[in-house]
């Protein structure tokens, strides 16, 4: 019943994807602009999806591992975590032979595209003094999913208007 009510405690996230694997354009072309965020194979990122992400949470969509990295849009979490089916498919690059239906190891959430916008480059984010504590900008951070504070969310959105 709580899922029907409008949440007032929305959490914010940053979700990275390599455009060659899954881009914001791929999401825009998906039915209802919705897709499962599959293939996450890091336990901390998995735990964020499984234990903390809720329907209605918002995330920046970040293109990584490309010469032009940066935030390119906003997605909404529209289905909470369920077992990632790619872990059971031997034909998938994300297959995990240790995962079983009874004891899945990996989870995914569904995301729906809310908005696409011109890329906010990593260099632009780094140039903002108030964003220096953002997990994305920390040395050695390689997580594909990280939480964003409400203040960071507002500051990044303000960069879009500049």
C-alpha atoms as a PDB file:
ATOM      1  CA  UNK A   1       0.000   0.000   0.000  1.00  0.00           C
ATOM      2  CA  UNK A   2       2.871   2.422   0.712  1.00  0.00           C
ATOM      3  CA  UNK A   3       3.986   2.080  -2.905  1.00  0.00           C
ATOM      4  CA  UNK A   4       0.751   3.673  -4.084  1.00  0.00           C
ATOM      5  CA  UNK A   5       1.255   6.748  -1.915  1.00  0.00           C
ATOM      6  CA  UNK A   6       3.653   9.468  -3.030  1.00  0.00           C
ATOM      7  CA  UNK A   7       6.916   9.030  -1.150  1.00  0.00           C
ATOM      8  CA  UNK A   8       8.340  12.039   0.607  1.00  0.00           C
ATOM      9  CA  UNK A   9      11.665  10.411   1.463  1.00  0.00           C
ATOM     10  CA  UNK A  10      13.046   9.934  -2.039  1.00  0.00           C
ATOM     11  CA  UNK A  11      16.657   8.829  -2.190  1.00  0.00           C
ATOM     12  CA  UNK A  12      19.044   9.911  -4.895  1.00  0.00           C
ATOM     13  CA  UNK A  13      21.589   7.821  -6.778  1.00  0.00           C
ATOM     14  CA  UNK A  14      24.133   7.880  -9.560  1.00  0.00           C
ATOM     15  CA  UNK A  15      24.099   4.881 -11.903  1.00  0.00           C
ATOM     16  CA  UNK A  16      26.984   4.359 -14.334  1.00  0.00           C
ATOM     17  CA  UNK A  17      26.794   2.510 -17.603  1.00  0.00           C
ATOM     18  CA  UNK A  18      29.179   2.200 -20.504  1.00  0.00           C
ATOM     19  CA  UNK A  19      27.387   3.539 -23.594  1.00  0.00           C
ATOM     20  CA  UNK A  20      28.664   0.583 -25.630  1.00  0.00           C
ATOM     21  CA  UNK A  21      26.870  -1.763 -23.224  1.00  0.00           C
ATOM     22  CA  UNK A  22      23.717   0.242 -22.409  1.00  0.00           C
ATOM     23  CA  UNK A  23      23.299   3.941 -23.142  1.00  0.00           C
ATOM     24  CA  UNK A  24      20.651   6.492 -22.339  1.00  0.00           C
ATOM     25  CA  UNK A  25      19.619   6.194 -25.995  1.00  0.00           C
ATOM     26  CA  UNK A  26      19.096   2.452 -25.477  1.00  0.00           C
ATOM     27  CA  UNK A  27      16.882   3.225 -22.493  1.00  0.00           C
ATOM     28  CA  UNK A  28      14.942   5.825 -24.500  1.00  0.00           C
ATOM     29  CA  UNK A  29      14.332   3.194 -27.205  1.00  0.00           C
ATOM     30  CA  UNK A  30      13.125   0.568 -24.694  1.00  0.00           C
ATOM     31  CA  UNK A  31       9.413  -0.146 -24.347  1.00  0.00           C
ATOM     32  CA  UNK A  32       7.884   2.519 -22.082  1.00  0.00           C
ATOM     33  CA  UNK A  33      11.458   3.888 -21.747  1.00  0.00           C
ATOM     34  CA  UNK A  34      11.954   1.255 -19.038  1.00  0.00           C
ATOM     35  CA  UNK A  35      14.594  -1.457 -18.624  1.00  0.00           C
ATOM     36  CA  UNK A  36      16.167  -3.684 -15.999  1.00  0.00           C
ATOM     37  CA  UNK A  37      19.560  -2.427 -14.764  1.00  0.00           C
ATOM     38  CA  UNK A  38      21.349  -5.747 -15.230  1.00  0.00           C
ATOM     39  CA  UNK A  39      24.911  -6.967 -15.021  1.00  0.00           C
ATOM     40  CA  UNK A  40      25.993  -5.329 -11.765  1.00  0.00           C
ATOM     41  CA  UNK A  41      28.691  -7.604 -10.327  1.00  0.00           C
ATOM     42  CA  UNK A  42      29.944  -5.672  -7.340  1.00  0.00           C
ATOM     43  CA  UNK A  43      28.588  -6.590  -3.914  1.00  0.00           C
ATOM     44  CA  UNK A  44      28.320  -3.039  -2.574  1.00  0.00           C
ATOM     45  CA  UNK A  45      26.468  -1.818  -5.681  1.00  0.00           C
ATOM     46  CA  UNK A  46      24.250  -4.918  -5.519  1.00  0.00           C
ATOM     47  CA  UNK A  47      23.469  -4.186  -1.873  1.00  0.00           C
ATOM     48  CA  UNK A  48      22.456  -0.619  -2.723  1.00  0.00           C
ATOM     49  CA  UNK A  49      19.972  -1.962  -5.269  1.00  0.00           C
ATOM     50  CA  UNK A  50      18.750  -4.864  -3.157  1.00  0.00           C
ATOM     51  CA  UNK A  51      18.565  -3.200   0.243  1.00  0.00           C
ATOM     52  CA  UNK A  52      18.150   0.537  -0.283  1.00  0.00           C
ATOM     53  CA  UNK A  53      16.664   1.477  -3.654  1.00  0.00           C
ATOM     54  CA  UNK A  54      12.911   1.959  -3.611  1.00  0.00           C
ATOM     55  CA  UNK A  55      10.251   2.758  -6.178  1.00  0.00           C
ATOM     56  CA  UNK A  56      10.232   6.493  -6.762  1.00  0.00           C
ATOM     57  CA  UNK A  57      13.921   7.035  -6.029  1.00  0.00           C
ATOM     58  CA  UNK A  58      15.721   9.105  -8.668  1.00  0.00           C
ATOM     59  CA  UNK A  59      19.143   8.579 -10.207  1.00  0.00           C
ATOM     60  CA  UNK A  60      21.486  10.388 -12.509  1.00  0.00           C
ATOM     61  CA  UNK A  61      22.347   8.283 -15.560  1.00  0.00           C
ATOM     62  CA  UNK A  62      26.113   8.513 -16.061  1.00  0.00           C
ATOM     63  CA  UNK A  63      28.006   7.428 -19.177  1.00  0.00           C
ATOM     64  CA  UNK A  64      31.345   5.909 -18.122  1.00  0.00           C
ATOM     65  CA  UNK A  65      34.365   4.389 -19.886  1.00  0.00           C
ATOM     66  CA  UNK A  66      34.064   6.712 -22.836  1.00  0.00           C
ATOM     67  CA  UNK A  67      36.124   9.743 -23.880  1.00  0.00           C
ATOM     68  CA  UNK A  68      33.141  11.932 -22.949  1.00  0.00           C
ATOM     69  CA  UNK A  69      32.105  10.725 -19.501  1.00  0.00           C
ATOM     70  CA  UNK A  70      29.373  12.526 -17.638  1.00  0.00           C
ATOM     71  CA  UNK A  71      25.786  12.716 -16.464  1.00  0.00           C
ATOM     72  CA  UNK A  72      23.350  12.525 -19.377  1.00  0.00           C
ATOM     73  CA  UNK A  73      19.935  12.179 -17.781  1.00  0.00           C
ATOM     74  CA  UNK A  74      17.656  11.215 -14.929  1.00  0.00           C
ATOM     75  CA  UNK A  75      15.931   7.891 -14.328  1.00  0.00           C
ATOM     76  CA  UNK A  76      13.365   6.793 -11.776  1.00  0.00           C
ATOM     77  CA  UNK A  77      13.417   3.446  -9.986  1.00  0.00           C
ATOM     78  CA  UNK A  78      10.151   1.824 -11.063  1.00  0.00           C
ATOM     79  CA  UNK A  79      10.593  -1.754  -9.834  1.00  0.00           C
ATOM     80  CA  UNK A  80      12.438  -2.810  -6.717  1.00  0.00           C
ATOM     81  CA  UNK A  81      15.191  -5.400  -6.721  1.00  0.00           C
ATOM     82  CA  UNK A  82      14.576  -8.881  -8.041  1.00  0.00           C
ATOM     83  CA  UNK A  83      17.139 -11.550  -9.003  1.00  0.00           C
ATOM     84  CA  UNK A  84      19.080 -10.526 -12.120  1.00  0.00           C
ATOM     85  CA  UNK A  85      18.190 -13.189 -14.686  1.00  0.00           C
ATOM     86  CA  UNK A  86      21.483 -12.764 -16.574  1.00  0.00           C
ATOM     87  CA  UNK A  87      23.287 -14.614 -13.754  1.00  0.00           C
ATOM     88  CA  UNK A  88      21.457 -17.837 -14.713  1.00  0.00           C
ATOM     89  CA  UNK A  89      22.043 -17.633 -18.478  1.00  0.00           C
ATOM     90  CA  UNK A  90      25.190 -19.495 -19.599  1.00  0.00           C
ATOM     91  CA  UNK A  91      25.092 -17.526 -22.879  1.00  0.00           C
ATOM     92  CA  UNK A  92      25.283 -14.185 -21.033  1.00  0.00           C
ATOM     93  CA  UNK A  93      28.523 -12.335 -20.309  1.00  0.00           C
ATOM     94  CA  UNK A  94      27.045 -11.834 -16.829  1.00  0.00           C
ATOM     95  CA  UNK A  95      26.532 -15.558 -16.148  1.00  0.00           C
ATOM     96  CA  UNK A  96      27.518 -16.668 -12.654  1.00  0.00           C
ATOM     97  CA  UNK A  97      27.846 -20.462 -12.237  1.00  0.00           C
ATOM     98  CA  UNK A  98      27.664 -20.111  -8.440  1.00  0.00           C
ATOM     99  CA  UNK A  99      24.218 -18.462  -8.568  1.00  0.00           C
ATOM    100  CA  UNK A 100      21.120 -20.638  -8.202  1.00  0.00           C
ATOM    101  CA  UNK A 101      17.404 -19.886  -8.318  1.00  0.00           C
ATOM    102  CA  UNK A 102      17.240 -20.771  -4.616  1.00  0.00           C
ATOM    103  CA  UNK A 103      20.258 -18.586  -3.767  1.00  0.00           C
ATOM    104  CA  UNK A 104      20.657 -15.816  -6.315  1.00  0.00           C
ATOM    105  CA  UNK A 105      23.773 -13.692  -5.892  1.00  0.00           C
ATOM    106  CA  UNK A 106      22.892 -10.711  -8.087  1.00  0.00           C
ATOM    107  CA  UNK A 107      19.915  -8.381  -8.282  1.00  0.00           C
ATOM    108  CA  UNK A 108      18.606  -5.689 -10.590  1.00  0.00           C
ATOM    109  CA  UNK A 109      16.072  -2.856 -10.447  1.00  0.00           C
ATOM    110  CA  UNK A 110      13.953  -1.430 -13.249  1.00  0.00           C
ATOM    111  CA  UNK A 111      14.599   2.150 -14.290  1.00  0.00           C
ATOM    112  CA  UNK A 112      12.450   4.469 -16.383  1.00  0.00           C
ATOM    113  CA  UNK A 113      13.847   7.419 -18.270  1.00  0.00           C
ATOM    114  CA  UNK A 114      12.533  10.702 -16.882  1.00  0.00           C
ATOM    115  CA  UNK A 115      14.721  13.170 -18.743  1.00  0.00           C
ATOM    116  CA  UNK A 116      17.667  13.349 -21.138  1.00  0.00           C
ATOM    117  CA  UNK A 117      19.860  16.425 -21.242  1.00  0.00           C
ATOM    118  CA  UNK A 118      23.213  17.601 -22.600  1.00  0.00           C
ATOM    119  CA  UNK A 119      26.098  15.889 -20.844  1.00  0.00           C
ATOM    120  CA  UNK A 120      27.420  17.379 -17.622  1.00  0.00           C
ATOM    121  CA  UNK A 121      31.080  16.454 -17.991  1.00  0.00           C
ATOM    122  CA  UNK A 122      33.110  14.891 -15.211  1.00  0.00           C
ATOM    123  CA  UNK A 123      35.473  17.877 -15.448  1.00  0.00           C
ATOM    124  CA  UNK A 124      32.542  20.224 -14.778  1.00  0.00           C
ATOM    125  CA  UNK A 125      31.567  18.217 -11.700  1.00  0.00           C
ATOM    126  CA  UNK A 126      35.170  18.260 -10.471  1.00  0.00           C
ATOM    127  CA  UNK A 127      35.336  22.051 -10.881  1.00  0.00           C
ATOM    128  CA  UNK A 128      32.512  22.622  -8.382  1.00  0.00           C
ATOM    129  CA  UNK A 129      33.922  23.119  -4.852  1.00  0.00           C
ATOM    130  CA  UNK A 130      30.651  22.082  -3.204  1.00  0.00           C
ATOM    131  CA  UNK A 131      30.709  18.694  -4.971  1.00  0.00           C
ATOM    132  CA  UNK A 132      34.178  17.617  -3.828  1.00  0.00           C
ATOM    133  CA  UNK A 133      32.762  15.113  -1.315  1.00  0.00           C
ATOM    134  CA  UNK A 134      30.587  13.430  -3.967  1.00  0.00           C
ATOM    135  CA  UNK A 135      31.471   9.719  -4.104  1.00  0.00           C
ATOM    136  CA  UNK A 136      31.854   9.817  -7.871  1.00  0.00           C
ATOM    137  CA  UNK A 137      34.718  12.279  -7.507  1.00  0.00           C
ATOM    138  CA  UNK A 138      36.615  10.390  -4.813  1.00  0.00           C
ATOM    139  CA  UNK A 139      39.923   8.904  -5.804  1.00  0.00           C
ATOM    140  CA  UNK A 140      39.643   5.187  -6.532  1.00  0.00           C
ATOM    141  CA  UNK A 141      35.836   5.084  -6.646  1.00  0.00           C
ATOM    142  CA  UNK A 142      34.788   2.577  -9.275  1.00  0.00           C
ATOM    143  CA  UNK A 143      31.315   1.668  -8.055  1.00  0.00           C
ATOM    144  CA  UNK A 144      28.653   1.617 -10.753  1.00  0.00           C
ATOM    145  CA  UNK A 145      25.956   2.697  -8.280  1.00  0.00           C
ATOM    146  CA  UNK A 146      26.468   5.264  -5.552  1.00  0.00           C
ATOM    147  CA  UNK A 147      24.161   7.265  -3.312  1.00  0.00           C
ATOM    148  CA  UNK A 148      23.859  11.016  -3.877  1.00  0.00           C
ATOM    149  CA  UNK A 149      22.898  13.442  -1.127  1.00  0.00           C
ATOM    150  CA  UNK A 150      19.942  15.760  -1.628  1.00  0.00           C
ATOM    151  CA  UNK A 151      22.356  18.703  -1.649  1.00  0.00           C
ATOM    152  CA  UNK A 152      24.496  17.055  -4.363  1.00  0.00           C
ATOM    153  CA  UNK A 153      21.325  16.328  -6.337  1.00  0.00           C
ATOM    154  CA  UNK A 154      20.301  19.992  -6.219  1.00  0.00           C
ATOM    155  CA  UNK A 155      23.816  21.235  -7.079  1.00  0.00           C
ATOM    156  CA  UNK A 156      24.170  18.940 -10.099  1.00  0.00           C
ATOM    157  CA  UNK A 157      20.721  19.926 -11.340  1.00  0.00           C
ATOM    158  CA  UNK A 158      21.711  23.591 -10.985  1.00  0.00           C
ATOM    159  CA  UNK A 159      24.687  22.912 -13.279  1.00  0.00           C
ATOM    160  CA  UNK A 160      22.229  22.044 -16.056  1.00  0.00           C
ATOM    161  CA  UNK A 161      20.901  25.591 -15.966  1.00  0.00           C
ATOM    162  CA  UNK A 162      24.335  27.201 -16.389  1.00  0.00           C
END
